[in-house]
């Protein structure tokens, strides 16, 4: 059983598949940040009493200053563009993933927690930790791909993304069943 699980987890996939996922998911996340920018900047106008820090910001006692919010958004957009293009990916991959996570977490500190943002942040973290720029990227221009054939290095992140999606969906379904059966507000 264990060998079958490891074989499934590390099943070879082409570098182009992971790269295409980087481009599509990165473009969606970059667009999401761009569309949410006015909302995030608007958080600076909220009353400080409404701030209930969660996640990365759990230790904060007060909201972030507006200049730091703006700087975070600029960093997210710049690293997001590099993420999509596969430019300086060893830096831009983790930077965009962490920037998106920080923005999503900060936004959640003002009220409703958006689980879809958290799942997107997790997928970006997995892509940022993978070799998703070995193909279809500015980094890959003019150099041969490390693995011309499908390889396990390109499959694990995709499998982890699939597993995290199923796990998040399953936990959400059980939470909805629990709340529905007991008539509790969730």
Foldseek 3Di string as FASTA:
>chain_A
DVVVVVCQLLPFDDLVVLLVVQQVLLVVLLVVLVVCVVVLLCVQVDDQVLFCADDPCNPDPTADHSVVSVVLSVQLNVLSVCSNQVHPLLPSQQSNLVSLVVSLRRSCRRDPRDVVSVLSSVLSNLSSPAPNSLPNHPVVPPHHRPDRGTGSSSRNSVVVSVVVVVVVVVVVVVVVVVCVVVVHDD
